Amino acid sequence: MKEVQKSKKFITAFLATIMVMSTAACGGNASQNSSSQQSAGVSSATSATGEEKTGYDTHVELSWFKEGITGHEINYDGDAYGQFWQDKFNTTFDLTAATMDDSDWSQRLRIWINSGDMPDVAHWGFNYGELVDYAAQDAVYRFPDDWKERWPNVAASQECVPGAAVAEEKLGGTYTLFRTIFANHRPSKRLSYHALLYMRKDWMQACGVEIKDTYSPSELEEIATKFKEEDPGNVGSQLVPISIRTYDVPKIYPGTYFPQSINIGDGYYKDESGQFQWAPADERTLEGLKKYQNLYTSGLLDPEFYTLTRYEGTEKLYIGGTAGIVLDDGMGYMIQSRMENGLQKNLGLDPDEALHIAQLVGEDGKYYYREDMNFYGSIIFSPTITDEEFERAMDILDFCCTEEGQEIINMGFEGEDWKRDENGEYVSLLPNEITGNAGSILASKYPTADVFFGGVILGDDFQFVTPNYTKETRDTISHFYQLRDEISDETTLLPREYDYEFYSSRTKTQANMDLSEEYAQLILKEGDLETNWRNWVDEKMQLVQPLLDELNEQ
């Protein structure tokens, strides 16, 4: 039966087109519990690194669906890193990869779930309304009530995500594991969105632009105008002063003064009287859209912004060398692996001379967004997974949450890939560069590190201590997290609207829309923007008003 199920999964995959922090559990460097009690008889085995370790008598094959690892060969027998995980848990991973595009990642999984043929373990983009439906239909696995005692390290990771407790209470049990962003190395009291500005420092200096930590939208327009007029990089007709994809452009306008209007929470928020409103219908959104449109019509924004996929806008800076300003992730892999490494390898530029990193702020110098929920996606299990398969998968995830597990995941093997110095600090024994087709330093030695099945604590957490990023990179990330915390308050870095985000109804599903796409269409549409916006609001309110009424009646 298991072989038939797996065969069906491959056929389906081929055919388908596809939160307040818990301080006791999160942050700091408190020692973690050892891996939980194992689910099968234990025997001695030898790992790929030649070390004797504890294994399982019974072999288990786990089909596992993971986003973001396409374009790589998946061969866990190919190196010591992949072999370690298979040997330690006597497991074979039948790994299926998806792009991070919703039409592939989420849609493919949705097809599997609705057909009753999902993989044993699946990474999921998470949608609370869908989870309610899946739980009601027994379409995903319901955790045993005592799972937190059995797998305490996974449970501790979930305490770092306020939304986990909200979902568990509302659903009457656990149906998903949230993939925690920060667990052991929380960078600031309040968590913010990590996007940063990446700017051509050499162009800025050639144009006499002040180098500093923060820039407002008007300052960005001024800098972009100088780039356009002076072309300090001699790029010519290919010059793109600001290159940002559709999803991120609203972070400039209207997000830097009216953060309720961007995609976080789909624009629904409580006003001062406690009533839910829909931000896109507010005049402040219209004001931002006018500025947004001016950025486009003046030639400062990439004329192709509407068609740019995930990294295409950013690549124009570190691969094409044609962009002067981009806005993208502010994590270690972007700073060091893509930006610095890319400028050097692709353009022959010294990153210290060519790259400046800064924070986007409002005209008042404050940081605007909504507090981060401290998770990115979640993990769900098939309702047909066997007890042994579930327990083995949870044992793996629990080990991934331990100190030892985190070290192996992020740095490789102690004594071979890293060591501790006399002060107890991590020291990498790997060359501090990326080679071949690898996406990370670790994967330069172990290709399977780029196709890792993934735990419930994301790599963002360990980036503050891993020696595979330079101290300068780690300090930069920490600095901007702390800066955003310092230059914001509850009126600019907004609390989460859990009443909305964990509310499920057919009306909410019908009213859901991608605001960044909607805003872009208004910007590009022929005719008067204000007229088009008012007509759009009138049309959309037919979907939105019933939801507002529902929310306000709670």
Protein backbone atom coordinates (compact mmCIF):
# COMPACT_ATOMS: atom_id res chain seq x y z
CA MET A 1 0.00 0.00 0.00
CA LYS A 2 2.87 2.35 0.86
CA GLU A 3 4.49 1.78 -2.53
CA VAL A 4 1.20 2.46 -4.30
CA GLN A 5 0.79 5.70 -2.34
CA LYS A 6 4.28 6.84 -3.24
CA SER A 7 3.76 5.98 -6.88
CA LYS A 8 0.56 8.04 -6.89
CA LYS A 9 2.43 10.96 -5.32
CA PHE A 10 5.02 10.96 -8.08
CA ILE A 11 2.33 10.82 -10.76
CA THR A 12 0.40 13.67 -9.10
CA ALA A 13 3.56 15.74 -8.74
CA PHE A 14 4.32 15.22 -12.41
CA LEU A 15 0.86 16.17 -13.57
CA ALA A 16 0.11 19.05 -11.19
CA THR A 17 1.12 22.59 -11.97
CA ILE A 18 2.26 23.67 -8.56
CA MET A 19 3.48 35.34 17.22
CA VAL A 20 3.99 38.85 22.00
CA MET A 21 7.01 36.59 22.50
CA SER A 22 7.34 33.72 24.97
CA THR A 23 10.52 34.81 26.74
CA ALA A 24 10.91 31.63 28.77
CA ALA A 25 11.30 29.60 25.59
CA CYS A 26 12.72 32.10 23.10
CA GLY A 27 15.90 34.09 22.90
CA GLY A 28 19.03 33.78 24.93
CA ASN A 29 21.22 30.69 24.83
CA ALA A 30 19.62 28.43 27.43
CA SER A 31 20.61 24.81 26.98
CA GLN A 32 18.08 22.65 25.20
CA ASN A 33 16.77 19.21 26.05
CA SER A 34 18.29 16.18 24.41
CA SER A 35 16.44 14.44 21.60
CA SER A 36 13.22 12.75 22.64
CA GLN A 37 12.67 9.08 23.37
CA GLN A 38 13.01 7.09 20.17
CA SER A 39 10.12 5.30 18.57
CA ALA A 40 11.77 2.02 17.67
CA GLY A 41 14.44 -0.37 18.93
CA VAL A 42 17.91 1.16 19.02
CA SER A 43 21.05 -0.33 17.55
CA SER A 44 24.59 0.84 17.00
CA ALA A 45 25.53 2.17 13.58
CA THR A 46 28.25 4.20 11.93
CA SER A 47 27.61 7.62 10.44
CA ALA A 48 28.99 8.98 7.19
CA THR A 49 31.64 10.80 9.20
CA GLY A 50 32.91 7.51 10.61
CA GLU A 51 31.60 8.11 14.13
CA GLU A 52 29.59 5.49 15.97
CA LYS A 53 26.15 6.71 16.87
CA THR A 54 22.71 5.55 17.89
CA GLY A 55 20.27 4.47 15.20
CA TYR A 56 16.95 2.68 14.72
CA ASP A 57 16.38 -1.00 13.98
CA THR A 58 13.46 -0.37 11.66
CA HIS A 59 14.08 1.47 8.40
CA VAL A 60 11.52 4.14 7.47
CA GLU A 61 11.04 5.94 4.17
CA LEU A 62 9.56 9.41 4.47
CA SER A 63 8.11 11.27 1.51
CA TRP A 64 8.84 14.94 2.19
CA PHE A 65 7.69 18.04 0.28
CA LYS A 66 9.91 21.10 0.55
CA GLU A 67 9.88 24.52 -1.06
CA GLY A 68 12.79 26.55 -2.35
CA ILE A 69 15.25 23.85 -3.38
CA THR A 70 14.57 23.45 -7.10
CA GLY A 71 17.42 23.53 -9.57
CA HIS A 72 19.55 21.14 -7.51
CA GLU A 73 20.14 17.41 -7.73
CA ILE A 74 18.58 15.69 -4.74
CA ASN A 75 20.87 12.85 -3.72
CA TYR A 76 21.18 12.22 0.01
CA ASP A 77 23.62 9.39 -0.71
CA GLY A 78 25.92 11.81 -2.48
CA ASP A 79 27.83 13.27 0.47
CA ALA A 80 28.48 12.87 4.19
CA TYR A 81 25.97 15.55 5.18
CA GLY A 82 23.00 13.87 3.50
CA GLN A 83 24.18 10.43 4.56
CA PHE A 84 24.40 11.55 8.20
CA TRP A 85 20.67 12.21 8.44
CA GLN A 86 19.77 8.94 6.77
CA ASP A 87 22.13 6.92 8.93
CA LYS A 88 21.30 8.58 12.24
CA PHE A 89 17.58 7.98 11.86
CA ASN A 90 17.68 4.91 9.58
CA THR A 91 15.57 6.88 7.14
CA THR A 92 15.41 7.44 3.41
CA PHE A 93 14.08 10.81 2.29
CA ASP A 94 11.88 10.78 -0.78
CA LEU A 95 12.20 14.52 -1.27
CA THR A 96 10.04 16.50 -3.71
CA ALA A 97 10.97 20.11 -4.39
CA ALA A 98 8.82 23.10 -5.29
CA THR A 99 9.57 26.67 -6.19
CA MET A 100 8.55 29.33 -3.66
CA ASP A 101 5.92 30.63 -6.04
CA ASP A 102 2.44 30.11 -4.62
CA SER A 103 1.14 28.72 -7.91
CA ASP A 104 3.62 25.87 -7.59
CA TRP A 105 4.32 25.38 -3.88
CA SER A 106 0.87 25.92 -2.34
CA GLN A 107 -1.23 24.84 -5.30
CA ARG A 108 0.55 21.55 -5.78
CA LEU A 109 0.15 20.71 -2.10
CA ARG A 110 -3.49 21.81 -2.18
CA ILE A 111 -4.15 19.32 -4.98
CA TRP A 112 -2.51 16.53 -3.00
CA ILE A 113 -4.42 17.31 0.19
CA ASN A 114 -7.78 17.54 -1.55
CA SER A 115 -7.13 14.25 -3.37
CA GLY A 116 -6.08 12.50 -0.15
CA ASP A 117 -2.64 11.80 -1.53
CA MET A 118 -0.27 14.22 0.19
CA PRO A 119 3.31 13.28 1.12
CA ASP A 120 4.05 12.04 4.64
CA VAL A 121 5.56 15.41 5.61
CA ALA A 122 4.98 18.69 3.80
CA HIS A 123 6.20 22.23 4.16
CA TRP A 124 3.25 24.53 3.67
CA GLY A 125 2.87 28.29 3.16
CA PHE A 126 0.16 28.28 5.90
CA ASN A 127 -3.33 29.62 5.51
CA TYR A 128 -5.44 29.52 8.64
CA GLY A 129 -8.75 29.34 6.78
CA GLU A 130 -7.54 26.34 4.81
CA LEU A 131 -6.23 24.70 7.98
CA VAL A 132 -9.69 24.99 9.57
CA ASP A 133 -11.18 23.19 6.58
CA TYR A 134 -8.48 20.52 6.54
CA ALA A 135 -8.88 19.89 10.27
CA ALA A 136 -12.67 19.58 9.95
CA GLN A 137 -12.30 17.06 7.13
CA ASP A 138 -9.44 15.11 8.77
CA ALA A 139 -7.44 15.97 5.67
CA VAL A 140 -4.25 16.57 7.69
CA TYR A 141 -2.85 14.76 10.70
CA ARG A 142 -3.96 15.73 14.21
CA PHE A 143 -1.13 15.50 16.73
CA PRO A 144 -1.56 13.32 19.82
CA ASP A 145 -2.47 15.37 22.88
CA ASP A 146 0.80 14.51 24.65
CA TRP A 147 3.12 15.38 21.78
CA LYS A 148 4.77 18.29 23.63
CA GLU A 149 6.01 15.96 26.37
CA ARG A 150 7.33 13.50 23.83
CA TRP A 151 9.13 16.08 21.68
CA PRO A 152 10.01 18.96 24.04
CA ASN A 153 12.48 20.70 21.73
CA VAL A 154 9.91 21.07 18.97
CA ALA A 155 7.39 22.24 21.59
CA ALA A 156 9.84 24.89 22.81
CA SER A 157 10.23 26.21 19.26
CA GLN A 158 6.46 26.64 19.01
CA GLU A 159 6.36 28.73 22.18
CA CYS A 160 8.31 31.35 20.24
CA VAL A 161 5.39 31.78 17.83
CA PRO A 162 2.35 33.46 19.44
CA GLY A 163 0.19 32.29 16.56
CA ALA A 164 0.85 28.65 17.43
CA ALA A 165 -1.04 28.93 20.70
CA VAL A 166 -3.83 30.89 18.99
CA ALA A 167 -4.27 28.23 16.31
CA GLU A 168 -4.13 25.37 18.81
CA GLU A 169 -6.78 26.96 21.03
CA LYS A 170 -9.12 27.75 18.16
CA LEU A 171 -8.76 24.31 16.54
CA GLY A 172 -8.85 22.34 19.78
CA GLY A 173 -5.57 20.61 19.02
CA THR A 174 -2.34 20.76 17.02
CA TYR A 175 -2.49 20.29 13.27
CA THR A 176 0.63 22.12 12.13
CA LEU A 177 4.12 23.06 13.29
CA PHE A 178 5.08 26.65 12.63
CA ARG A 179 8.57 27.10 11.20
CA THR A 180 10.07 29.47 13.76
CA ILE A 181 12.30 32.27 12.53
CA PHE A 182 13.96 33.15 15.85
CA ALA A 183 14.19 30.79 18.81
CA ASN A 184 17.61 30.93 20.47
CA HIS A 185 19.05 34.15 19.06
CA ARG A 186 16.28 36.73 19.04
CA PRO A 187 17.82 39.95 17.64
CA SER A 188 15.43 42.51 19.17
CA LYS A 189 12.54 42.79 21.59
CA ARG A 190 10.02 43.46 18.84
CA LEU A 191 10.51 41.61 15.58
CA SER A 192 10.38 43.56 12.36
CA TYR A 193 10.43 42.76 8.67
CA HIS A 194 14.06 42.42 7.66
CA ALA A 195 14.08 44.04 4.20
CA LEU A 196 16.99 46.41 3.55
CA LEU A 197 18.02 48.84 0.86
CA TYR A 198 21.03 47.80 -1.24
CA MET A 199 22.58 50.76 -3.00
CA ARG A 200 25.54 51.35 -5.30
CA LYS A 201 27.88 53.12 -2.91
CA ASP A 202 30.35 54.08 -5.64
CA TRP A 203 27.54 55.73 -7.63
CA MET A 204 26.32 57.57 -4.55
CA GLN A 205 29.77 58.95 -3.84
CA ALA A 206 30.22 59.99 -7.45
CA CYS A 207 26.94 61.92 -7.20
CA GLY A 208 27.81 63.50 -3.85
CA VAL A 209 25.16 61.57 -1.90
CA GLU A 210 25.54 61.31 1.87
CA ILE A 211 26.24 57.78 3.10
CA LYS A 212 24.08 56.99 6.13
CA ASP A 213 21.98 54.30 7.81
CA THR A 214 18.46 55.37 6.79
CA TYR A 215 16.76 56.90 3.78
CA SER A 216 13.21 58.16 3.32
CA PRO A 217 11.23 57.80 0.08
CA SER A 218 11.91 61.41 -0.93
CA GLU A 219 15.63 60.88 -0.39
CA LEU A 220 15.51 57.73 -2.51
CA GLU A 221 13.79 59.68 -5.28
CA GLU A 222 16.45 62.36 -5.08
CA ILE A 223 19.26 59.79 -5.26
CA ALA A 224 17.55 57.90 -8.09
CA THR A 225 17.13 61.15 -10.01
CA LYS A 226 20.85 61.85 -9.71
CA PHE A 227 21.62 58.34 -10.94
CA LYS A 228 19.33 58.90 -13.93
CA GLU A 229 20.75 62.30 -14.80
CA GLU A 230 24.42 61.62 -14.17
CA ASP A 231 24.71 57.88 -14.95
CA PRO A 232 27.75 57.48 -12.69
CA GLY A 233 28.14 53.80 -13.69
CA ASN A 234 28.14 54.55 -17.45
CA VAL A 235 25.31 52.08 -17.91
CA GLY A 236 23.55 54.06 -20.61
CA SER A 237 20.08 53.08 -21.76
CA GLN A 238 20.05 50.01 -19.50
CA LEU A 239 20.23 52.11 -16.33
CA VAL A 240 17.52 51.33 -13.77
CA PRO A 241 17.64 53.79 -10.85
CA ILE A 242 15.31 51.73 -8.63
CA SER A 243 14.62 48.06 -9.37
CA ILE A 244 11.99 46.52 -7.08
CA ARG A 245 9.37 43.88 -7.89
CA THR A 246 5.63 44.50 -7.51
CA TYR A 247 5.36 42.78 -4.13
CA ASP A 248 7.87 45.12 -2.49
CA VAL A 249 7.16 48.50 -4.11
CA PRO A 250 4.21 49.34 -1.76
CA LYS A 251 6.69 49.20 1.11
CA ILE A 252 7.87 52.59 -0.17
CA TYR A 253 4.44 54.08 -1.00
CA PRO A 254 2.12 54.02 0.89
CA GLY A 255 3.81 51.71 3.40
CA THR A 256 6.24 54.24 4.88
CA TYR A 257 3.46 56.27 6.48
CA PHE A 258 0.37 54.04 6.31
CA PRO A 259 1.58 50.45 6.87
CA GLN A 260 -1.98 49.15 7.25
CA SER A 261 -2.34 49.56 3.51
CA ILE A 262 0.14 46.91 2.43
CA ASN A 263 -0.28 43.16 2.26
CA ILE A 264 0.25 42.35 5.93
CA GLY A 265 -3.15 41.26 7.15
CA ASP A 266 -4.61 42.08 3.70
CA GLY A 267 -5.14 45.68 4.80
CA TYR A 268 -7.60 44.96 7.61
CA TYR A 269 -6.92 46.72 10.87
CA LYS A 270 -8.65 48.03 13.99
CA ASP A 271 -9.14 51.77 14.25
CA GLU A 272 -8.99 53.77 17.50
CA SER A 273 -12.57 52.78 18.36
CA GLY A 274 -11.76 49.07 17.98
CA GLN A 275 -13.66 48.68 14.71
CA PHE A 276 -12.14 46.88 11.74
CA GLN A 277 -11.46 48.99 8.66
CA TRP A 278 -10.04 48.24 5.22
CA ALA A 279 -6.98 50.39 4.61
CA PRO A 280 -6.98 50.37 0.77
CA ALA A 281 -10.22 52.38 0.83
CA ASP A 282 -8.58 55.14 2.90
CA GLU A 283 -7.58 58.44 1.23
CA ARG A 284 -4.04 57.87 2.56
CA THR A 285 -3.75 54.90 0.22
CA LEU A 286 -4.72 57.10 -2.73
CA GLU A 287 -2.05 59.60 -1.69
CA GLY A 288 0.54 56.80 -1.70
CA LEU A 289 -0.61 55.44 -5.05
CA LYS A 290 -0.10 58.87 -6.62
CA LYS A 291 3.49 58.90 -5.35
CA TYR A 292 3.91 55.30 -6.48
CA GLN A 293 2.69 56.23 -9.97
CA ASN A 294 5.01 59.24 -10.12
CA LEU A 295 7.95 56.99 -9.27
CA TYR A 296 7.02 54.88 -12.29
CA THR A 297 6.12 57.59 -14.82
CA SER A 298 9.25 59.62 -14.02
CA GLY A 299 11.41 56.69 -15.07
CA LEU A 300 12.92 56.16 -11.63
CA LEU A 301 11.23 52.79 -11.06
CA ASP A 302 12.15 49.84 -13.25
CA PRO A 303 9.74 49.95 -16.22
CA GLU A 304 9.56 46.14 -15.96
CA PHE A 305 8.75 46.13 -12.23
CA TYR A 306 5.37 44.51 -12.82
CA THR A 307 6.89 41.45 -14.53
CA LEU A 308 9.86 40.90 -12.23
CA THR A 309 9.99 37.52 -10.51
CA ARG A 310 11.44 36.87 -7.04
CA TYR A 311 15.07 37.93 -7.52
CA GLU A 312 15.12 39.51 -10.98
CA GLY A 313 14.98 43.09 -9.72
CA THR A 314 17.77 42.52 -7.22
CA GLU A 315 19.90 40.67 -9.77
CA LYS A 316 20.07 43.84 -11.83
CA LEU A 317 22.30 45.23 -9.09
CA TYR A 318 24.67 42.33 -8.33
CA ILE A 319 24.62 40.47 -11.68
CA GLY A 320 23.65 42.94 -14.38
CA GLY A 321 25.20 46.00 -12.75
CA THR A 322 22.42 48.18 -14.15
CA ALA A 323 20.42 48.99 -10.99
CA GLY A 324 21.34 51.61 -8.41
CA ILE A 325 18.84 50.87 -5.62
CA VAL A 326 17.02 47.66 -4.71
CA LEU A 327 14.96 46.51 -1.72
CA ASP A 328 15.25 42.90 -0.64
CA ASP A 329 15.80 40.47 2.25
CA GLY A 330 18.16 41.65 4.97
CA MET A 331 19.48 38.26 5.99
CA GLY A 332 22.97 36.78 5.81
CA TYR A 333 22.52 34.84 2.59
CA MET A 334 21.39 37.98 0.76
CA ILE A 335 24.08 40.25 2.15
CA GLN A 336 27.03 37.91 1.80
CA SER A 337 26.08 35.14 -0.61
CA ARG A 338 24.19 37.15 -3.20
CA MET A 339 25.17 40.82 -2.89
CA GLU A 340 28.81 40.80 -1.84
CA ASN A 341 29.75 37.57 -3.56
CA GLY A 342 27.74 38.53 -6.64
CA LEU A 343 29.28 41.98 -7.06
CA GLN A 344 32.73 40.50 -6.80
CA LYS A 345 32.22 37.46 -9.03
CA ASN A 346 29.91 38.90 -11.66
CA LEU A 347 31.11 42.48 -11.90
CA GLY A 348 34.62 42.36 -10.48
CA LEU A 349 33.73 44.98 -7.87
CA ASP A 350 34.98 45.31 -4.31
CA PRO A 351 31.81 45.12 -2.16
CA ASP A 352 33.33 47.48 0.41
CA GLU A 353 33.59 50.12 -2.30
CA ALA A 354 30.50 49.33 -4.38
CA LEU A 355 27.79 48.36 -1.88
CA HIS A 356 25.98 50.38 0.77
CA ILE A 357 23.28 48.84 2.97
CA ALA A 358 20.62 50.99 4.62
CA GLN A 359 17.13 50.98 6.11
CA LEU A 360 14.01 52.37 4.45
CA VAL A 361 12.16 54.73 6.81
CA GLY A 362 9.32 57.22 6.61
CA GLU A 363 9.77 60.94 6.05
CA ASP A 364 9.72 61.33 9.84
CA GLY A 365 12.69 58.98 10.21
CA LYS A 366 10.63 56.22 11.80
CA TYR A 367 10.38 52.60 10.71
CA TYR A 368 6.95 51.48 9.45
CA TYR A 369 5.57 47.97 9.16
CA ARG A 370 3.70 45.40 11.23
CA GLU A 371 5.42 43.27 13.86
CA ASP A 372 6.60 39.95 12.52
CA MET A 373 4.73 36.80 13.61
CA ASN A 374 8.07 34.97 13.96
CA PHE A 375 7.32 32.17 11.55
CA TYR A 376 7.59 31.48 7.86
CA GLY A 377 5.33 28.69 6.69
CA SER A 378 4.62 25.52 8.62
CA ILE A 379 4.85 21.74 8.49
CA ILE A 380 1.87 19.42 8.17
CA PHE A 381 1.60 15.64 8.05
CA SER A 382 -0.50 13.29 5.98
CA PRO A 383 -3.58 11.91 7.76
CA THR A 384 -2.52 8.46 6.51
CA ILE A 385 1.00 8.62 7.95
CA THR A 386 1.71 5.62 10.18
CA ASP A 387 2.54 6.05 13.85
CA GLU A 388 6.09 4.87 13.21
CA GLU A 389 6.58 7.31 10.33
CA PHE A 390 5.15 10.21 12.32
CA GLU A 391 7.30 9.44 15.34
CA ARG A 392 10.44 9.11 13.23
CA ALA A 393 9.75 12.42 11.50
CA MET A 394 9.14 14.11 14.85
CA ASP A 395 12.31 12.57 16.31
CA ILE A 396 14.22 14.07 13.38
CA LEU A 397 12.61 17.49 13.85
CA ASP A 398 13.20 17.35 17.60
CA PHE A 399 16.90 16.62 17.08
CA CYS A 400 17.04 19.52 14.62
CA CYS A 401 15.95 21.81 17.46
CA THR A 402 18.77 20.76 19.80
CA GLU A 403 22.10 22.58 20.01
CA GLU A 404 23.85 19.66 18.30
CA GLY A 405 21.24 19.53 15.58
CA GLN A 406 21.47 23.24 14.90
CA GLU A 407 25.25 23.07 14.67
CA ILE A 408 25.17 20.24 12.13
CA ILE A 409 22.39 21.84 10.09
CA ASN A 410 24.16 25.19 9.85
CA MET A 411 27.88 24.40 10.07
CA GLY A 412 28.48 20.72 9.35
CA PHE A 413 30.52 18.42 11.56
CA GLU A 414 32.54 19.51 14.58
CA GLY A 415 36.28 18.98 14.18
CA GLU A 416 35.95 18.70 10.43
CA ASP A 417 33.95 21.74 9.35
CA TRP A 418 34.10 23.86 12.49
CA LYS A 419 35.55 24.07 15.98
CA ARG A 420 35.37 26.28 19.05
CA ASP A 421 38.16 28.67 19.95
CA GLU A 422 39.56 29.34 23.42
CA ASN A 423 36.62 31.66 24.13
CA GLY A 424 34.05 29.10 23.10
CA GLU A 425 33.21 30.93 19.88
CA TYR A 426 32.55 29.02 16.67
CA VAL A 427 35.36 28.99 14.11
CA SER A 428 34.75 27.71 10.59
CA LEU A 429 37.18 25.26 9.03
CA LEU A 430 35.58 25.74 5.63
CA PRO A 431 36.86 28.18 3.00
CA ASN A 432 34.86 31.37 3.45
CA GLU A 433 33.56 31.38 -0.11
CA ILE A 434 30.93 29.80 -2.32
CA THR A 435 32.06 27.55 -5.12
CA GLY A 436 30.40 25.71 -7.97
CA ASN A 437 26.62 25.82 -8.08
CA ALA A 438 26.23 25.99 -4.31
CA GLY A 439 23.90 28.50 -2.69
CA SER A 440 25.80 28.51 0.60
CA ILE A 441 29.29 27.98 1.96
CA LEU A 442 28.32 24.69 3.58
CA ALA A 443 26.83 23.44 0.32
CA SER A 444 30.11 24.14 -1.45
CA LYS A 445 31.38 21.06 0.39
CA TYR A 446 28.09 19.20 0.90
CA PRO A 447 25.63 19.78 -1.98
CA THR A 448 22.84 18.16 0.04
CA ALA A 449 22.99 21.14 2.42
CA ASP A 450 21.27 23.12 -0.35
CA VAL A 451 18.48 20.53 -0.53
CA PHE A 452 18.15 19.99 3.21
CA PHE A 453 14.68 18.73 4.21
CA GLY A 454 14.44 21.52 6.78
CA GLY A 455 13.55 21.73 10.46
CA VAL A 456 11.16 23.89 12.43
CA ILE A 457 13.81 26.51 13.29
CA LEU A 458 14.86 28.48 10.23
CA GLY A 459 18.46 29.36 9.43
CA ASP A 460 17.74 33.01 10.22
CA ASP A 461 18.13 32.16 13.91
CA PHE A 462 21.63 30.67 13.65
CA GLN A 463 22.94 33.36 11.31
CA PHE A 464 23.90 35.49 14.32
CA VAL A 465 26.49 32.96 15.49
CA THR A 466 27.52 30.92 12.45
CA PRO A 467 31.13 31.48 11.36
CA ASN A 468 30.06 30.79 7.77
CA TYR A 469 29.00 34.43 7.71
CA THR A 470 31.63 37.01 8.47
CA LYS A 471 31.44 38.96 11.70
CA GLU A 472 30.76 42.07 9.62
CA THR A 473 27.72 40.41 8.05
CA ARG A 474 26.41 39.20 11.40
CA ASP A 475 26.94 42.62 12.96
CA THR A 476 25.13 44.30 10.06
CA ILE A 477 22.06 42.10 10.49
CA SER A 478 21.97 42.68 14.26
CA HIS A 479 22.47 46.40 13.84
CA PHE A 480 19.47 46.86 11.59
CA TYR A 481 17.15 44.73 13.71
CA GLN A 482 18.05 46.82 16.73
CA LEU A 483 17.82 50.05 14.74
CA ARG A 484 14.30 49.24 13.53
CA ASP A 485 13.29 48.55 17.12
CA GLU A 486 14.78 51.87 18.28
CA ILE A 487 13.19 54.04 15.59
CA SER A 488 9.66 52.63 15.83
CA ASP A 489 6.78 52.43 18.28
CA GLU A 490 3.34 50.79 18.34
CA THR A 491 1.98 53.44 15.98
CA THR A 492 4.59 52.69 13.31
CA LEU A 493 5.56 49.05 13.98
CA LEU A 494 2.03 47.82 14.37
CA PRO A 495 0.96 44.93 16.62
CA ARG A 496 -0.49 41.88 14.87
CA GLU A 497 -4.23 41.69 14.30
CA TYR A 498 -4.73 38.13 15.54
CA ASP A 499 -8.51 38.62 15.62
CA TYR A 500 -8.35 38.93 11.86
CA GLU A 501 -5.44 36.66 10.99
CA PHE A 502 -6.91 33.70 12.86
CA TYR A 503 -10.46 34.27 11.73
CA SER A 504 -11.93 31.87 9.22
CA SER A 505 -15.03 32.30 7.09
CA ARG A 506 -16.11 31.91 3.50
CA THR A 507 -16.51 35.68 3.34
CA LYS A 508 -12.86 36.19 4.31
CA THR A 509 -11.73 33.77 1.61
CA GLN A 510 -13.80 35.59 -0.99
CA ALA A 511 -12.51 39.00 0.09
CA ASN A 512 -8.85 37.99 0.07
CA MET A 513 -6.68 39.65 -2.59
CA ASP A 514 -3.06 40.40 -3.36
CA LEU A 515 -2.93 44.12 -2.64
CA SER A 516 0.49 44.68 -4.19
CA GLU A 517 -0.82 43.29 -7.49
CA GLU A 518 -4.01 45.36 -7.21
CA TYR A 519 -2.02 48.55 -6.53
CA ALA A 520 0.27 47.88 -9.49
CA GLN A 521 -2.68 47.40 -11.82
CA LEU A 522 -4.09 50.76 -10.70
CA ILE A 523 -0.72 52.41 -11.33
CA LEU A 524 -0.49 50.99 -14.84
CA LYS A 525 -4.12 51.47 -15.82
CA GLU A 526 -4.95 54.14 -18.39
CA GLY A 527 -6.96 57.13 -17.28
CA ASP A 528 -7.09 59.22 -14.12
CA LEU A 529 -5.64 57.39 -11.12
CA GLU A 530 -8.02 58.89 -8.57
CA THR A 531 -11.07 57.98 -10.65
CA ASN A 532 -9.76 54.48 -11.24
CA TRP A 533 -9.03 54.07 -7.52
CA ARG A 534 -12.51 55.22 -6.45
CA ASN A 535 -14.15 52.87 -8.95
CA TRP A 536 -11.90 50.06 -7.73
CA VAL A 537 -12.81 50.74 -4.08
CA ASP A 538 -16.53 50.74 -4.92
CA GLU A 539 -16.13 47.39 -6.69
CA LYS A 540 -14.00 45.75 -3.99
CA MET A 541 -16.13 46.95 -1.11
CA GLN A 542 -18.85 44.59 -2.31
CA LEU A 543 -16.52 41.81 -1.22
CA VAL A 544 -14.95 43.60 1.73
CA GLN A 545 -17.96 45.08 3.54
CA PRO A 546 -19.56 41.73 4.48
CA LEU A 547 -16.25 40.68 6.02
CA LEU A 548 -15.96 43.96 7.95
CA ASP A 549 -19.47 43.40 9.25
CA GLU A 550 -18.57 39.87 10.37
CA LEU A 551 -15.37 41.00 12.09
CA ASN A 552 -17.05 43.89 13.87
CA GLU A 553 -19.88 41.67 15.11
CA GLN A 554 -17.48 39.31 16.90
